[in-house]
Amino acid sequence: MARLNVLLLILVIACALGVVTSQHEARKLYVELQKEKDRAQQMDVEWGQLQLEQGTLAMPARVEKLAGLQLQMQMPQSRKMRYIRLDSGMVTQP
């Protein structure tokens, strides 16, 4: 009988240690999950800011102004322009 009690006591202690270990691991994983959620939210905010910045930098008026100032580019004369129709693929001149 005493052996059975000792065996049961050891079994109960092992189960208790298993429960404590699994709870500790679950808490660690939960904290890590919260950190990753915060990081994902920060990345979403940064993505939105980058999209705004890209939209601002790619505005046609800004691009045209920089092309003229920094690259000395200019619009071609209208008589030198060629128009291409996408539906038929034919080249036409104005």
N, C-alpha and C. Protein backbone atom coordinates (compact mmCIF):
# COMPACT_ATOMS: atom_id res chain seq x y z
N MET A 1 0.82 -1.19 0.00
CA MET A 1 0.00 0.00 0.00
C MET A 1 0.87 1.27 0.00
N ALA A 2 1.93 1.25 0.76
CA ALA A 2 2.82 2.41 0.85
C ALA A 2 3.49 2.66 -0.50
N ARG A 3 3.84 1.56 -1.20
CA ARG A 3 4.45 1.73 -2.51
C ARG A 3 3.48 2.38 -3.49
N LEU A 4 2.24 1.98 -3.42
CA LEU A 4 1.23 2.55 -4.30
C LEU A 4 1.05 4.04 -4.01
N ASN A 5 1.06 4.41 -2.73
CA ASN A 5 0.92 5.82 -2.36
C ASN A 5 2.10 6.64 -2.87
N VAL A 6 3.31 6.10 -2.74
CA VAL A 6 4.51 6.80 -3.22
C VAL A 6 4.44 6.93 -4.75
N LEU A 7 4.04 5.87 -5.41
CA LEU A 7 3.92 5.90 -6.87
C LEU A 7 2.88 6.92 -7.31
N LEU A 8 1.74 6.96 -6.64
CA LEU A 8 0.71 7.94 -6.95
C LEU A 8 1.17 9.36 -6.67
N LEU A 9 1.91 9.56 -5.58
CA LEU A 9 2.46 10.88 -5.24
C LEU A 9 3.42 11.35 -6.33
N ILE A 10 4.28 10.47 -6.77
CA ILE A 10 5.23 10.82 -7.83
C ILE A 10 4.48 11.16 -9.12
N LEU A 11 3.44 10.39 -9.42
CA LEU A 11 2.63 10.64 -10.60
C LEU A 11 1.91 11.99 -10.52
N VAL A 12 1.38 12.33 -9.36
CA VAL A 12 0.71 13.61 -9.16
C VAL A 12 1.70 14.76 -9.29
N ILE A 13 2.88 14.63 -8.73
CA ILE A 13 3.90 15.68 -8.83
C ILE A 13 4.33 15.85 -10.30
N ALA A 14 4.50 14.76 -11.01
CA ALA A 14 4.88 14.84 -12.42
C ALA A 14 3.79 15.54 -13.23
N CYS A 15 2.53 15.21 -12.96
CA CYS A 15 1.43 15.87 -13.68
C CYS A 15 1.36 17.35 -13.34
N ALA A 16 1.57 17.70 -12.09
CA ALA A 16 1.55 19.11 -11.68
C ALA A 16 2.67 19.89 -12.37
N LEU A 17 3.85 19.29 -12.42
CA LEU A 17 4.96 19.95 -13.11
C LEU A 17 4.65 20.10 -14.61
N GLY A 18 4.01 19.11 -15.19
CA GLY A 18 3.62 19.20 -16.59
C GLY A 18 2.63 20.33 -16.83
N VAL A 19 1.67 20.49 -15.93
CA VAL A 19 0.68 21.56 -16.05
C VAL A 19 1.35 22.92 -15.93
N VAL A 20 2.24 23.07 -14.93
CA VAL A 20 2.94 24.34 -14.73
C VAL A 20 3.80 24.67 -15.94
N THR A 21 4.49 23.69 -16.46
CA THR A 21 5.36 23.91 -17.63
C THR A 21 4.53 24.31 -18.84
N SER A 22 3.42 23.63 -19.08
CA SER A 22 2.60 23.96 -20.25
C SER A 22 1.95 25.34 -20.10
N GLN A 23 1.54 25.71 -18.89
CA GLN A 23 0.98 27.05 -18.68
C GLN A 23 2.03 28.13 -18.91
N HIS A 24 3.24 27.88 -18.43
CA HIS A 24 4.33 28.85 -18.64
C HIS A 24 4.61 29.01 -20.14
N GLU A 25 4.66 27.91 -20.85
CA GLU A 25 4.92 27.95 -22.30
C GLU A 25 3.78 28.68 -23.02
N ALA A 26 2.55 28.43 -22.61
CA ALA A 26 1.41 29.11 -23.23
C ALA A 26 1.48 30.61 -22.99
N ARG A 27 1.86 31.03 -21.81
CA ARG A 27 1.99 32.46 -21.52
C ARG A 27 3.10 33.09 -22.34
N LYS A 28 4.23 32.39 -22.47
CA LYS A 28 5.32 32.91 -23.29
C LYS A 28 4.87 33.08 -24.74
N LEU A 29 4.16 32.10 -25.25
CA LEU A 29 3.69 32.16 -26.63
C LEU A 29 2.66 33.28 -26.81
N TYR A 30 1.82 33.51 -25.80
CA TYR A 30 0.83 34.58 -25.88
C TYR A 30 1.51 35.95 -25.92
N VAL A 31 2.53 36.12 -25.09
CA VAL A 31 3.28 37.39 -25.09
C VAL A 31 3.95 37.59 -26.45
N GLU A 32 4.52 36.54 -26.99
CA GLU A 32 5.16 36.63 -28.31
C GLU A 32 4.13 36.97 -29.40
N LEU A 33 2.94 36.37 -29.30
CA LEU A 33 1.88 36.66 -30.25
C LEU A 33 1.47 38.14 -30.18
N GLN A 34 1.36 38.68 -28.99
CA GLN A 34 0.99 40.09 -28.84
C GLN A 34 2.07 41.00 -29.43
N LYS A 35 3.32 40.65 -29.21
CA LYS A 35 4.41 41.45 -29.79
C LYS A 35 4.34 41.44 -31.31
N GLU A 36 4.07 40.27 -31.89
CA GLU A 36 3.98 40.17 -33.35
C GLU A 36 2.78 40.93 -33.89
N LYS A 37 1.67 40.92 -33.15
CA LYS A 37 0.50 41.70 -33.57
C LYS A 37 0.82 43.19 -33.56
N ASP A 38 1.53 43.65 -32.52
CA ASP A 38 1.94 45.05 -32.46
C ASP A 38 2.87 45.40 -33.63
N ARG A 39 3.77 44.50 -33.91
CA ARG A 39 4.71 44.72 -35.01
C ARG A 39 3.97 44.78 -36.35
N ALA A 40 2.99 43.90 -36.53
CA ALA A 40 2.20 43.91 -37.76
C ALA A 40 1.42 45.21 -37.90
N GLN A 41 0.90 45.71 -36.79
CA GLN A 41 0.16 46.98 -36.83
C GLN A 41 1.10 48.13 -37.19
N GLN A 42 2.31 48.13 -36.62
CA GLN A 42 3.29 49.16 -36.96
C GLN A 42 3.66 49.10 -38.44
N MET A 43 3.78 47.89 -38.96
CA MET A 43 4.12 47.74 -40.37
C MET A 43 2.97 48.21 -41.26
N ASP A 44 1.73 47.99 -40.83
CA ASP A 44 0.59 48.50 -41.60
C ASP A 44 0.59 50.02 -41.65
N VAL A 45 0.91 50.65 -40.51
CA VAL A 45 0.98 52.11 -40.46
C VAL A 45 2.09 52.61 -41.39
N GLU A 46 3.25 51.95 -41.32
CA GLU A 46 4.37 52.35 -42.16
C GLU A 46 4.03 52.15 -43.65
N TRP A 47 3.32 51.07 -43.97
CA TRP A 47 2.91 50.81 -45.35
C TRP A 47 2.00 51.92 -45.85
N GLY A 48 1.06 52.34 -45.02
CA GLY A 48 0.17 53.44 -45.40
C GLY A 48 0.93 54.72 -45.64
N GLN A 49 1.91 55.00 -44.79
CA GLN A 49 2.73 56.20 -44.96
C GLN A 49 3.54 56.13 -46.24
N LEU A 50 4.08 54.96 -46.54
CA LEU A 50 4.86 54.81 -47.77
C LEU A 50 3.98 54.95 -49.01
N GLN A 51 2.75 54.46 -48.94
CA GLN A 51 1.85 54.63 -50.08
C GLN A 51 1.51 56.10 -50.29
N LEU A 52 1.29 56.82 -49.20
CA LEU A 52 1.04 58.26 -49.32
C LEU A 52 2.24 58.97 -49.93
N GLU A 53 3.42 58.63 -49.45
CA GLU A 53 4.64 59.26 -49.96
C GLU A 53 4.83 58.95 -51.44
N GLN A 54 4.57 57.69 -51.83
CA GLN A 54 4.71 57.32 -53.23
C GLN A 54 3.71 58.09 -54.09
N GLY A 55 2.49 58.23 -53.60
CA GLY A 55 1.48 58.97 -54.34
C GLY A 55 1.87 60.42 -54.52
N THR A 56 2.47 61.00 -53.49
CA THR A 56 2.90 62.39 -53.57
C THR A 56 4.06 62.55 -54.54
N LEU A 57 5.03 61.64 -54.45
CA LEU A 57 6.21 61.75 -55.30
C LEU A 57 5.91 61.45 -56.77
N ALA A 58 4.87 60.69 -57.03
CA ALA A 58 4.57 60.29 -58.40
C ALA A 58 3.50 61.16 -59.05
N MET A 59 3.14 62.26 -58.44
CA MET A 59 2.13 63.14 -59.04
C MET A 59 2.65 63.64 -60.39
N PRO A 60 1.81 63.60 -61.41
CA PRO A 60 2.26 63.98 -62.76
C PRO A 60 2.86 65.38 -62.84
N ALA A 61 2.28 66.35 -62.13
CA ALA A 61 2.81 67.71 -62.19
C ALA A 61 4.22 67.76 -61.60
N ARG A 62 4.44 67.03 -60.52
CA ARG A 62 5.77 67.01 -59.89
C ARG A 62 6.78 66.34 -60.81
N VAL A 63 6.39 65.22 -61.40
CA VAL A 63 7.30 64.50 -62.30
C VAL A 63 7.66 65.38 -63.50
N GLU A 64 6.66 66.06 -64.06
CA GLU A 64 6.92 66.93 -65.20
C GLU A 64 7.85 68.08 -64.82
N LYS A 65 7.64 68.65 -63.64
CA LYS A 65 8.48 69.76 -63.19
C LYS A 65 9.93 69.31 -62.99
N LEU A 66 10.11 68.15 -62.34
CA LEU A 66 11.47 67.64 -62.12
C LEU A 66 12.14 67.24 -63.43
N ALA A 67 11.36 66.72 -64.36
CA ALA A 67 11.93 66.35 -65.66
C ALA A 67 12.45 67.59 -66.38
N GLY A 68 11.73 68.67 -66.27
CA GLY A 68 12.17 69.91 -66.92
C GLY A 68 13.35 70.54 -66.21
N LEU A 69 13.32 70.57 -64.87
CA LEU A 69 14.37 71.26 -64.13
C LEU A 69 15.66 70.45 -64.03
N GLN A 70 15.55 69.21 -63.64
CA GLN A 70 16.76 68.42 -63.37
C GLN A 70 17.30 67.73 -64.61
N LEU A 71 16.42 67.31 -65.50
CA LEU A 71 16.87 66.54 -66.66
C LEU A 71 16.82 67.33 -67.96
N GLN A 72 16.40 68.59 -67.88
CA GLN A 72 16.27 69.45 -69.05
C GLN A 72 15.43 68.79 -70.13
N MET A 73 14.37 68.13 -69.75
CA MET A 73 13.46 67.50 -70.71
C MET A 73 12.34 68.48 -71.04
N GLN A 74 11.75 68.32 -72.19
CA GLN A 74 10.63 69.17 -72.58
C GLN A 74 9.66 68.36 -73.42
N MET A 75 8.44 68.83 -73.49
CA MET A 75 7.42 68.15 -74.28
C MET A 75 7.79 68.27 -75.75
N PRO A 76 7.62 67.22 -76.53
CA PRO A 76 7.90 67.33 -77.97
C PRO A 76 6.84 68.20 -78.65
N GLN A 77 7.22 68.73 -79.80
CA GLN A 77 6.28 69.54 -80.57
C GLN A 77 5.16 68.64 -81.06
N SER A 78 3.98 69.23 -81.18
CA SER A 78 2.82 68.42 -81.54
C SER A 78 2.96 67.80 -82.92
N ARG A 79 3.68 68.43 -83.82
CA ARG A 79 3.83 67.86 -85.16
C ARG A 79 4.76 66.64 -85.16
N LYS A 80 5.55 66.48 -84.08
CA LYS A 80 6.44 65.34 -83.99
C LYS A 80 5.84 64.18 -83.18
N MET A 81 4.65 64.37 -82.69
CA MET A 81 3.99 63.32 -81.90
C MET A 81 3.30 62.32 -82.81
N ARG A 82 3.29 61.08 -82.40
CA ARG A 82 2.59 60.02 -83.11
C ARG A 82 1.65 59.36 -82.10
N TYR A 83 0.47 59.06 -82.56
CA TYR A 83 -0.54 58.44 -81.70
C TYR A 83 -0.75 57.00 -82.16
N ILE A 84 -0.86 56.13 -81.23
CA ILE A 84 -1.07 54.72 -81.53
C ILE A 84 -2.42 54.32 -80.95
N ARG A 85 -3.25 53.75 -81.79
CA ARG A 85 -4.55 53.27 -81.34
C ARG A 85 -4.38 51.83 -80.88
N LEU A 86 -4.79 51.54 -79.66
CA LEU A 86 -4.59 50.21 -79.10
C LEU A 86 -5.55 49.18 -79.66
N ASP A 87 -6.76 49.58 -80.04
CA ASP A 87 -7.72 48.60 -80.49
C ASP A 87 -7.36 48.00 -81.85
N SER A 88 -6.82 48.79 -82.77
CA SER A 88 -6.48 48.24 -84.10
C SER A 88 -4.98 48.10 -84.30
N GLY A 89 -4.20 48.75 -83.48
CA GLY A 89 -2.75 48.67 -83.61
C GLY A 89 -2.19 49.50 -84.74
N MET A 90 -2.97 50.39 -85.32
CA MET A 90 -2.51 51.22 -86.43
C MET A 90 -1.90 52.50 -85.89
N VAL A 91 -0.87 52.99 -86.54
CA VAL A 91 -0.24 54.25 -86.17
C VAL A 91 -0.87 55.34 -87.01
N THR A 92 -1.31 56.44 -86.34
CA THR A 92 -1.89 57.55 -87.07
C THR A 92 -1.18 58.83 -86.69
N GLN A 93 -1.18 59.76 -87.59
CA GLN A 93 -0.59 61.06 -87.32
C GLN A 93 -1.71 62.10 -87.25
N PRO A 94 -1.55 63.09 -86.37
CA PRO A 94 -2.60 64.11 -86.26
C PRO A 94 -2.65 65.02 -87.46
